[in-house]
Structures are given as structure tokens and as C-alpha cells.
Amino acid sequence: MSGKLQKAKGFKKSRTGMYISIASSLFGAVGTVKRAKKARQEGDTLQLLDVAVSAAGIVTGIALLVRELRRLDADDVLADD
């Protein structure tokens, strides 16, 4: 594998990559909230169900990212104990 590709794969596991992933997930939550408001105004039950499933996915994704951040902090060799 090339050095650049390996570096890009490592970025996803870095603290900065985790923060970017959390931010993008929260950005997606804004769109989900907008869809929920519109579906509620229209009384569209199917759309509300779709929003609920999307929201559950966003919450789960953020929870997994936070867990990974905590693992990175626990594995940090330079951290003060």
C-alpha cells in the first residue's frame, strides 16, 4: 500500500478524524430535525418513521465515535496518570 493511502486510513482512527466524524454526524442531525418538522406539519407517518430510524442511526454512530475517542484517550502513552 502506498504511504499516502496508509496515512489516509490512519486519519480516520486519529483524534482529529473522530472529531470531524462527530461534526458531520451532528450536521446530518440538523437535516433530520428539519425533515421531522416538515413531516409533522404534513402529518406524514411514514416520513416520521423514516426520520426516527435515521435519528437512531445518528445517535448510535455518535455513541460509537465517542467510545472510540475514549479508547484513544486511554491508549494515549503521553497522557498524565
PDB file of N, CA and C in Angstrom:
ATOM      1  N   MET A   1       0.834  -1.170   0.000  1.00  0.00           N
ATOM      2  CA  MET A   1       0.000   0.000   0.000  1.00  0.00           C
ATOM      3  C   MET A   1       0.884   1.240   0.000  1.00  0.00           C
ATOM      4  N   SER A   2       0.472   2.278  -0.694  1.00  0.00           N
ATOM      5  CA  SER A   2       1.281   3.488  -0.735  1.00  0.00           C
ATOM      6  C   SER A   2       1.228   4.225   0.599  1.00  0.00           C
ATOM      7  N   GLY A   3       2.193   5.064   0.826  1.00  0.00           N
ATOM      8  CA  GLY A   3       2.282   5.805   2.080  1.00  0.00           C
ATOM      9  C   GLY A   3       1.105   6.747   2.289  1.00  0.00           C
ATOM     10  N   LYS A   4       0.673   7.393   1.195  1.00  0.00           N
ATOM     11  CA  LYS A   4      -0.452   8.334   1.307  1.00  0.00           C
ATOM     12  C   LYS A   4      -1.741   7.608   1.652  1.00  0.00           C
ATOM     13  N   LEU A   5      -1.962   6.455   1.058  1.00  0.00           N
ATOM     14  CA  LEU A   5      -3.171   5.689   1.342  1.00  0.00           C
ATOM     15  C   LEU A   5      -3.167   5.192   2.782  1.00  0.00           C
ATOM     16  N   GLN A   6      -2.015   4.762   3.246  1.00  0.00           N
ATOM     17  CA  GLN A   6      -1.902   4.295   4.635  1.00  0.00           C
ATOM     18  C   GLN A   6      -2.142   5.452   5.604  1.00  0.00           C
ATOM     19  N   LYS A   7      -1.622   6.631   5.266  1.00  0.00           N
ATOM     20  CA  LYS A   7      -1.814   7.804   6.114  1.00  0.00           C
ATOM     21  C   LYS A   7      -3.287   8.209   6.151  1.00  0.00           C
ATOM     22  N   ALA A   8      -3.977   8.114   5.027  1.00  0.00           N
ATOM     23  CA  ALA A   8      -5.398   8.456   4.965  1.00  0.00           C
ATOM     24  C   ALA A   8      -6.221   7.480   5.793  1.00  0.00           C
ATOM     25  N   LYS A   9      -5.867   6.211   5.775  1.00  0.00           N
ATOM     26  CA  LYS A   9      -6.588   5.228   6.581  1.00  0.00           C
ATOM     27  C   LYS A   9      -6.344   5.469   8.069  1.00  0.00           C
ATOM     28  N   GLY A  10      -5.151   5.891   8.425  1.00  0.00           N
ATOM     29  CA  GLY A  10      -4.832   6.180   9.811  1.00  0.00           C
ATOM     30  C   GLY A  10      -5.532   7.425  10.325  1.00  0.00           C
ATOM     31  N   PHE A  11      -5.853   8.365   9.426  1.00  0.00           N
ATOM     32  CA  PHE A  11      -6.526   9.603   9.824  1.00  0.00           C
ATOM     33  C   PHE A  11      -7.892   9.325  10.420  1.00  0.00           C
ATOM     34  N   LYS A  12      -8.580   8.335   9.886  1.00  0.00           N
ATOM     35  CA  LYS A  12      -9.918   8.009  10.368  1.00  0.00           C
ATOM     36  C   LYS A  12      -9.880   7.566  11.830  1.00  0.00           C
ATOM     37  N   LYS A  13      -8.788   6.966  12.260  1.00  0.00           N
ATOM     38  CA  LYS A  13      -8.647   6.497  13.642  1.00  0.00           C
ATOM     39  C   LYS A  13      -8.008   7.541  14.553  1.00  0.00           C
ATOM     40  N   SER A  14      -7.630   8.697  13.994  1.00  0.00           N
ATOM     41  CA  SER A  14      -6.991   9.726  14.804  1.00  0.00           C
ATOM     42  C   SER A  14      -8.037  10.540  15.556  1.00  0.00           C
ATOM     43  N   ARG A  15      -7.580  11.276  16.537  1.00  0.00           N
ATOM     44  CA  ARG A  15      -8.481  12.118  17.333  1.00  0.00           C
ATOM     45  C   ARG A  15      -9.145  13.164  16.436  1.00  0.00           C
ATOM     46  N   THR A  16      -8.386  13.773  15.527  1.00  0.00           N
ATOM     47  CA  THR A  16      -8.931  14.772  14.612  1.00  0.00           C
ATOM     48  C   THR A  16      -9.982  14.158  13.703  1.00  0.00           C
ATOM     49  N   GLY A  17      -9.697  12.967  13.200  1.00  0.00           N
ATOM     50  CA  GLY A  17     -10.661  12.278  12.347  1.00  0.00           C
ATOM     51  C   GLY A  17     -11.952  11.963  13.082  1.00  0.00           C
ATOM     52  N   MET A  18     -11.833  11.609  14.357  1.00  0.00           N
ATOM     53  CA  MET A  18     -13.029  11.320  15.164  1.00  0.00           C
ATOM     54  C   MET A  18     -13.867  12.578  15.346  1.00  0.00           C
ATOM     55  N   TYR A  19     -13.204  13.702  15.637  1.00  0.00           N
ATOM     56  CA  TYR A  19     -13.942  14.954  15.819  1.00  0.00           C
ATOM     57  C   TYR A  19     -14.644  15.374  14.526  1.00  0.00           C
ATOM     58  N   ILE A  20     -13.994  15.186  13.403  1.00  0.00           N
ATOM     59  CA  ILE A  20     -14.612  15.511  12.114  1.00  0.00           C
ATOM     60  C   ILE A  20     -15.815  14.602  11.860  1.00  0.00           C
ATOM     61  N   SER A  21     -15.707  13.337  12.199  1.00  0.00           N
ATOM     62  CA  SER A  21     -16.818  12.404  12.034  1.00  0.00           C
ATOM     63  C   SER A  21     -18.005  12.780  12.918  1.00  0.00           C
ATOM     64  N   ILE A  22     -17.723  13.182  14.161  1.00  0.00           N
ATOM     65  CA  ILE A  22     -18.794  13.604  15.066  1.00  0.00           C
ATOM     66  C   ILE A  22     -19.472  14.861  14.522  1.00  0.00           C
ATOM     67  N   ALA A  23     -18.676  15.807  14.040  1.00  0.00           N
ATOM     68  CA  ALA A  23     -19.236  17.049  13.496  1.00  0.00           C
ATOM     69  C   ALA A  23     -20.120  16.774  12.282  1.00  0.00           C
ATOM     70  N   SER A  24     -19.686  15.879  11.421  1.00  0.00           N
ATOM     71  CA  SER A  24     -20.501  15.570  10.241  1.00  0.00           C
ATOM     72  C   SER A  24     -21.781  14.835  10.638  1.00  0.00           C
ATOM     73  N   SER A  25     -21.723  14.023  11.668  1.00  0.00           N
ATOM     74  CA  SER A  25     -22.926  13.353  12.152  1.00  0.00           C
ATOM     75  C   SER A  25     -23.904  14.366  12.740  1.00  0.00           C
ATOM     76  N   LEU A  26     -23.387  15.316  13.487  1.00  0.00           N
ATOM     77  CA  LEU A  26     -24.252  16.359  14.052  1.00  0.00           C
ATOM     78  C   LEU A  26     -24.838  17.241  12.957  1.00  0.00           C
ATOM     79  N   PHE A  27     -24.080  17.470  11.912  1.00  0.00           N
ATOM     80  CA  PHE A  27     -24.593  18.228  10.762  1.00  0.00           C
ATOM     81  C   PHE A  27     -25.745  17.471  10.107  1.00  0.00           C
ATOM     82  N   GLY A  28     -25.623  16.148  10.023  1.00  0.00           N
ATOM     83  CA  GLY A  28     -26.710  15.324   9.487  1.00  0.00           C
ATOM     84  C   GLY A  28     -27.936  15.354  10.375  1.00  0.00           C
ATOM     85  N   ALA A  29     -27.729  15.528  11.669  1.00  0.00           N
ATOM     86  CA  ALA A  29     -28.856  15.599  12.602  1.00  0.00           C
ATOM     87  C   ALA A  29     -29.699  16.843  12.344  1.00  0.00           C
ATOM     88  N   VAL A  30     -29.068  17.928  11.920  1.00  0.00           N
ATOM     89  CA  VAL A  30     -29.805  19.156  11.618  1.00  0.00           C
ATOM     90  C   VAL A  30     -30.795  18.902  10.482  1.00  0.00           C
ATOM     91  N   GLY A  31     -30.341  18.233   9.446  1.00  0.00           N
ATOM     92  CA  GLY A  31     -31.233  17.895   8.331  1.00  0.00           C
ATOM     93  C   GLY A  31     -32.352  16.961   8.753  1.00  0.00           C
ATOM     94  N   THR A  32     -32.046  16.059   9.666  1.00  0.00           N
ATOM     95  CA  THR A  32     -33.059  15.123  10.154  1.00  0.00           C
ATOM     96  C   THR A  32     -34.131  15.863  10.949  1.00  0.00           C
ATOM     97  N   VAL A  33     -33.722  16.837  11.739  1.00  0.00           N
ATOM     98  CA  VAL A  33     -34.690  17.630  12.506  1.00  0.00           C
ATOM     99  C   VAL A  33     -35.593  18.421  11.561  1.00  0.00           C
ATOM    100  N   LYS A  34     -35.026  18.978  10.507  1.00  0.00           N
ATOM    101  CA  LYS A  34     -35.826  19.713   9.520  1.00  0.00           C
ATOM    102  C   LYS A  34     -36.844  18.792   8.858  1.00  0.00           C
ATOM    103  N   ARG A  35     -36.405  17.582   8.512  1.00  0.00           N
ATOM    104  CA  ARG A  35     -37.328  16.618   7.898  1.00  0.00           C
ATOM    105  C   ARG A  35     -38.435  16.230   8.866  1.00  0.00           C
ATOM    106  N   ALA A  36     -38.106  16.125  10.151  1.00  0.00           N
ATOM    107  CA  ALA A  36     -39.105  15.763  11.162  1.00  0.00           C
ATOM    108  C   ALA A  36     -40.160  16.857  11.280  1.00  0.00           C
ATOM    109  N   LYS A  37     -39.731  18.104  11.302  1.00  0.00           N
ATOM    110  CA  LYS A  37     -40.688  19.217  11.390  1.00  0.00           C
ATOM    111  C   LYS A  37     -41.626  19.232  10.194  1.00  0.00           C
ATOM    112  N   LYS A  38     -41.060  19.031   9.013  1.00  0.00           N
ATOM    113  CA  LYS A  38     -41.877  19.034   7.793  1.00  0.00           C
ATOM    114  C   LYS A  38     -42.858  17.862   7.800  1.00  0.00           C
ATOM    115  N   ALA A  39     -42.392  16.696   8.198  1.00  0.00           N
ATOM    116  CA  ALA A  39     -43.266  15.518   8.231  1.00  0.00           C
ATOM    117  C   ALA A  39     -44.378  15.695   9.258  1.00  0.00           C
ATOM    118  N   ARG A  40     -44.066  16.313  10.385  1.00  0.00           N
ATOM    119  CA  ARG A  40     -45.077  16.540  11.416  1.00  0.00           C
ATOM    120  C   ARG A  40     -46.133  17.522  10.929  1.00  0.00           C
ATOM    121  N   GLN A  41     -45.702  18.564  10.209  1.00  0.00           N
ATOM    122  CA  GLN A  41     -46.648  19.540   9.665  1.00  0.00           C
ATOM    123  C   GLN A  41     -47.585  18.894   8.654  1.00  0.00           C
ATOM    124  N   GLU A  42     -47.027  17.998   7.850  1.00  0.00           N
ATOM    125  CA  GLU A  42     -47.816  17.332   6.814  1.00  0.00           C
ATOM    126  C   GLU A  42     -48.588  16.139   7.357  1.00  0.00           C
ATOM    127  N   GLY A  43     -48.259  15.699   8.547  1.00  0.00           N
ATOM    128  CA  GLY A  43     -48.919  14.528   9.124  1.00  0.00           C
ATOM    129  C   GLY A  43     -48.539  13.234   8.429  1.00  0.00           C
ATOM    130  N   ASP A  44     -47.337  13.180   7.905  1.00  0.00           N
ATOM    131  CA  ASP A  44     -46.856  12.015   7.151  1.00  0.00           C
ATOM    132  C   ASP A  44     -46.207  11.014   8.120  1.00  0.00           C
ATOM    133  N   THR A  45     -46.943   9.969   8.454  1.00  0.00           N
ATOM    134  CA  THR A  45     -46.479   8.976   9.417  1.00  0.00           C
ATOM    135  C   THR A  45     -45.274   8.201   8.901  1.00  0.00           C
ATOM    136  N   LEU A  46     -45.289   7.851   7.640  1.00  0.00           N
ATOM    137  CA  LEU A  46     -44.183   7.088   7.073  1.00  0.00           C
ATOM    138  C   LEU A  46     -42.885   7.914   7.093  1.00  0.00           C
ATOM    139  N   GLN A  47     -42.997   9.180   6.767  1.00  0.00           N
ATOM    140  CA  GLN A  47     -41.824  10.052   6.808  1.00  0.00           C
ATOM    141  C   GLN A  47     -41.324  10.215   8.246  1.00  0.00           C
ATOM    142  N   LEU A  48     -42.235  10.312   9.207  1.00  0.00           N
ATOM    143  CA  LEU A  48     -41.837  10.399  10.617  1.00  0.00           C
ATOM    144  C   LEU A  48     -41.110   9.137  11.062  1.00  0.00           C
ATOM    145  N   LEU A  49     -41.577   7.991  10.590  1.00  0.00           N
ATOM    146  CA  LEU A  49     -40.902   6.732  10.920  1.00  0.00           C
ATOM    147  C   LEU A  49     -39.498   6.706  10.324  1.00  0.00           C
ATOM    148  N   ASP A  50     -39.365   7.188   9.095  1.00  0.00           N
ATOM    149  CA  ASP A  50     -38.056   7.252   8.452  1.00  0.00           C
ATOM    150  C   ASP A  50     -37.118   8.173   9.226  1.00  0.00           C
ATOM    151  N   VAL A  51     -37.633   9.298   9.703  1.00  0.00           N
ATOM    152  CA  VAL A  51     -36.832  10.237  10.492  1.00  0.00           C
ATOM    153  C   VAL A  51     -36.390   9.588  11.799  1.00  0.00           C
ATOM    154  N   ALA A  52     -37.284   8.842  12.432  1.00  0.00           N
ATOM    155  CA  ALA A  52     -36.939   8.183  13.702  1.00  0.00           C
ATOM    156  C   ALA A  52     -35.822   7.167  13.500  1.00  0.00           C
ATOM    157  N   VAL A  53     -35.890   6.412  12.424  1.00  0.00           N
ATOM    158  CA  VAL A  53     -34.841   5.430  12.138  1.00  0.00           C
ATOM    159  C   VAL A  53     -33.518   6.137  11.834  1.00  0.00           C
ATOM    160  N   SER A  54     -33.586   7.224  11.080  1.00  0.00           N
ATOM    161  CA  SER A  54     -32.375   7.992  10.780  1.00  0.00           C
ATOM    162  C   SER A  54     -31.766   8.569  12.054  1.00  0.00           C
ATOM    163  N   ALA A  55     -32.615   9.094  12.921  1.00  0.00           N
ATOM    164  CA  ALA A  55     -32.130   9.662  14.176  1.00  0.00           C
ATOM    165  C   ALA A  55     -31.473   8.592  15.044  1.00  0.00           C
ATOM    166  N   ALA A  56     -32.049   7.405  15.067  1.00  0.00           N
ATOM    167  CA  ALA A  56     -31.458   6.312  15.847  1.00  0.00           C
ATOM    168  C   ALA A  56     -30.076   5.958  15.299  1.00  0.00           C
ATOM    169  N   GLY A  57     -29.943   5.968  14.001  1.00  0.00           N
ATOM    170  CA  GLY A  57     -28.640   5.695  13.381  1.00  0.00           C
ATOM    171  C   GLY A  57     -27.612   6.765  13.709  1.00  0.00           C
ATOM    172  N   ILE A  58     -28.041   8.020  13.717  1.00  0.00           N
ATOM    173  CA  ILE A  58     -27.132   9.117  14.039  1.00  0.00           C
ATOM    174  C   ILE A  58     -26.679   9.015  15.491  1.00  0.00           C
ATOM    175  N   VAL A  59     -27.619   8.761  16.396  1.00  0.00           N
ATOM    176  CA  VAL A  59     -27.283   8.648  17.821  1.00  0.00           C
ATOM    177  C   VAL A  59     -26.319   7.485  18.052  1.00  0.00           C
ATOM    178  N   THR A  60     -26.585   6.359  17.411  1.00  0.00           N
ATOM    179  CA  THR A  60     -25.711   5.196  17.556  1.00  0.00           C
ATOM    180  C   THR A  60     -24.318   5.492  17.014  1.00  0.00           C
ATOM    181  N   GLY A  61     -24.247   6.146  15.867  1.00  0.00           N
ATOM    182  CA  GLY A  61     -22.961   6.489  15.275  1.00  0.00           C
ATOM    183  C   GLY A  61     -22.145   7.417  16.160  1.00  0.00           C
ATOM    184  N   ILE A  62     -22.797   8.420  16.732  1.00  0.00           N
ATOM    185  CA  ILE A  62     -22.098   9.342  17.621  1.00  0.00           C
ATOM    186  C   ILE A  62     -21.619   8.617  18.876  1.00  0.00           C
ATOM    187  N   ALA A  63     -22.466   7.729  19.415  1.00  0.00           N
ATOM    188  CA  ALA A  63     -22.073   6.970  20.604  1.00  0.00           C
ATOM    189  C   ALA A  63     -20.839   6.106  20.319  1.00  0.00           C
ATOM    190  N   LEU A  64     -20.789   5.491  19.152  1.00  0.00           N
ATOM    191  CA  LEU A  64     -19.625   4.682  18.785  1.00  0.00           C
ATOM    192  C   LEU A  64     -18.371   5.542  18.635  1.00  0.00           C
ATOM    193  N   LEU A  65     -18.518   6.726  18.043  1.00  0.00           N
ATOM    194  CA  LEU A  65     -17.377   7.616  17.881  1.00  0.00           C
ATOM    195  C   LEU A  65     -16.859   8.117  19.225  1.00  0.00           C
ATOM    196  N   VAL A  66     -17.770   8.438  20.136  1.00  0.00           N
ATOM    197  CA  VAL A  66     -17.356   8.881  21.467  1.00  0.00           C
ATOM    198  C   VAL A  66     -16.621   7.758  22.189  1.00  0.00           C
ATOM    199  N   ARG A  67     -17.111   6.534  22.039  1.00  0.00           N
ATOM    200  CA  ARG A  67     -16.428   5.388  22.657  1.00  0.00           C
ATOM    201  C   ARG A  67     -15.011   5.249  22.110  1.00  0.00           C
ATOM    202  N   GLU A  68     -14.851   5.415  20.807  1.00  0.00           N
ATOM    203  CA  GLU A  68     -13.519   5.331  20.206  1.00  0.00           C
ATOM    204  C   GLU A  68     -12.609   6.457  20.709  1.00  0.00           C
ATOM    205  N   LEU A  69     -13.174   7.655  20.894  1.00  0.00           N
ATOM    206  CA  LEU A  69     -12.381   8.753  21.443  1.00  0.00           C
ATOM    207  C   LEU A  69     -11.894   8.418  22.849  1.00  0.00           C
ATOM    208  N   ARG A  70     -12.753   7.825  23.642  1.00  0.00           N
ATOM    209  CA  ARG A  70     -12.354   7.438  24.993  1.00  0.00           C
ATOM    210  C   ARG A  70     -11.268   6.379  24.955  1.00  0.00           C
ATOM    211  N   ARG A  71     -11.352   5.466  24.009  1.00  0.00           N
ATOM    212  CA  ARG A  71     -10.307   4.446  23.877  1.00  0.00           C
ATOM    213  C   ARG A  71      -8.985   5.075  23.470  1.00  0.00           C
ATOM    214  N   LEU A  72      -9.050   6.068  22.583  1.00  0.00           N
ATOM    215  CA  LEU A  72      -7.826   6.764  22.190  1.00  0.00           C
ATOM    216  C   LEU A  72      -7.205   7.462  23.387  1.00  0.00           C
ATOM    217  N   ASP A  73      -8.031   8.067  24.228  1.00  0.00           N
ATOM    218  CA  ASP A  73      -7.517   8.731  25.422  1.00  0.00           C
ATOM    219  C   ASP A  73      -6.895   7.726  26.382  1.00  0.00           C
ATOM    220  N   ALA A  74      -7.500   6.550  26.525  1.00  0.00           N
ATOM    221  CA  ALA A  74      -6.977   5.526  27.425  1.00  0.00           C
ATOM    222  C   ALA A  74      -5.675   4.952  26.892  1.00  0.00           C
ATOM    223  N   ASP A  75      -5.531   4.889  25.572  1.00  0.00           N
ATOM    224  CA  ASP A  75      -4.326   4.325  24.962  1.00  0.00           C
ATOM    225  C   ASP A  75      -3.215   5.350  24.791  1.00  0.00           C
ATOM    226  N   ASP A  76      -3.497   6.612  25.120  1.00  0.00           N
ATOM    227  CA  ASP A  76      -2.519   7.673  24.913  1.00  0.00           C
ATOM    228  C   ASP A  76      -1.323   7.466  25.859  1.00  0.00           C
ATOM    229  N   VAL A  77      -0.185   7.218  25.274  1.00  0.00           N
ATOM    230  CA  VAL A  77       1.020   6.930  26.042  1.00  0.00           C
ATOM    231  C   VAL A  77       1.524   8.182  26.757  1.00  0.00           C
ATOM    232  N   LEU A  78       1.310   9.340  26.171  1.00  0.00           N
ATOM    233  CA  LEU A  78       1.817  10.577  26.733  1.00  0.00           C
ATOM    234  C   LEU A  78       0.879  11.196  27.771  1.00  0.00           C
ATOM    235  N   ALA A  79      -0.259  10.575  28.002  1.00  0.00           N
ATOM    236  CA  ALA A  79      -1.226  11.130  28.945  1.00  0.00           C
ATOM    237  C   ALA A  79      -0.691  11.021  30.366  1.00  0.00           C
ATOM    238  N   ASP A  80      -1.021  12.022  31.179  1.00  0.00           N
ATOM    239  CA  ASP A  80      -0.621  12.007  32.579  1.00  0.00           C
ATOM    240  C   ASP A  80      -1.539  11.069  33.356  1.00  0.00           C
ATOM    241  N   ASP A  81      -0.952  10.258  34.187  1.00  0.00           N
ATOM    242  CA  ASP A  81      -1.753   9.335  35.012  1.00  0.00           C
ATOM    243  C   ASP A  81      -1.864   9.823  36.424  1.00  0.00           C
TER     244      ASP A  81
END
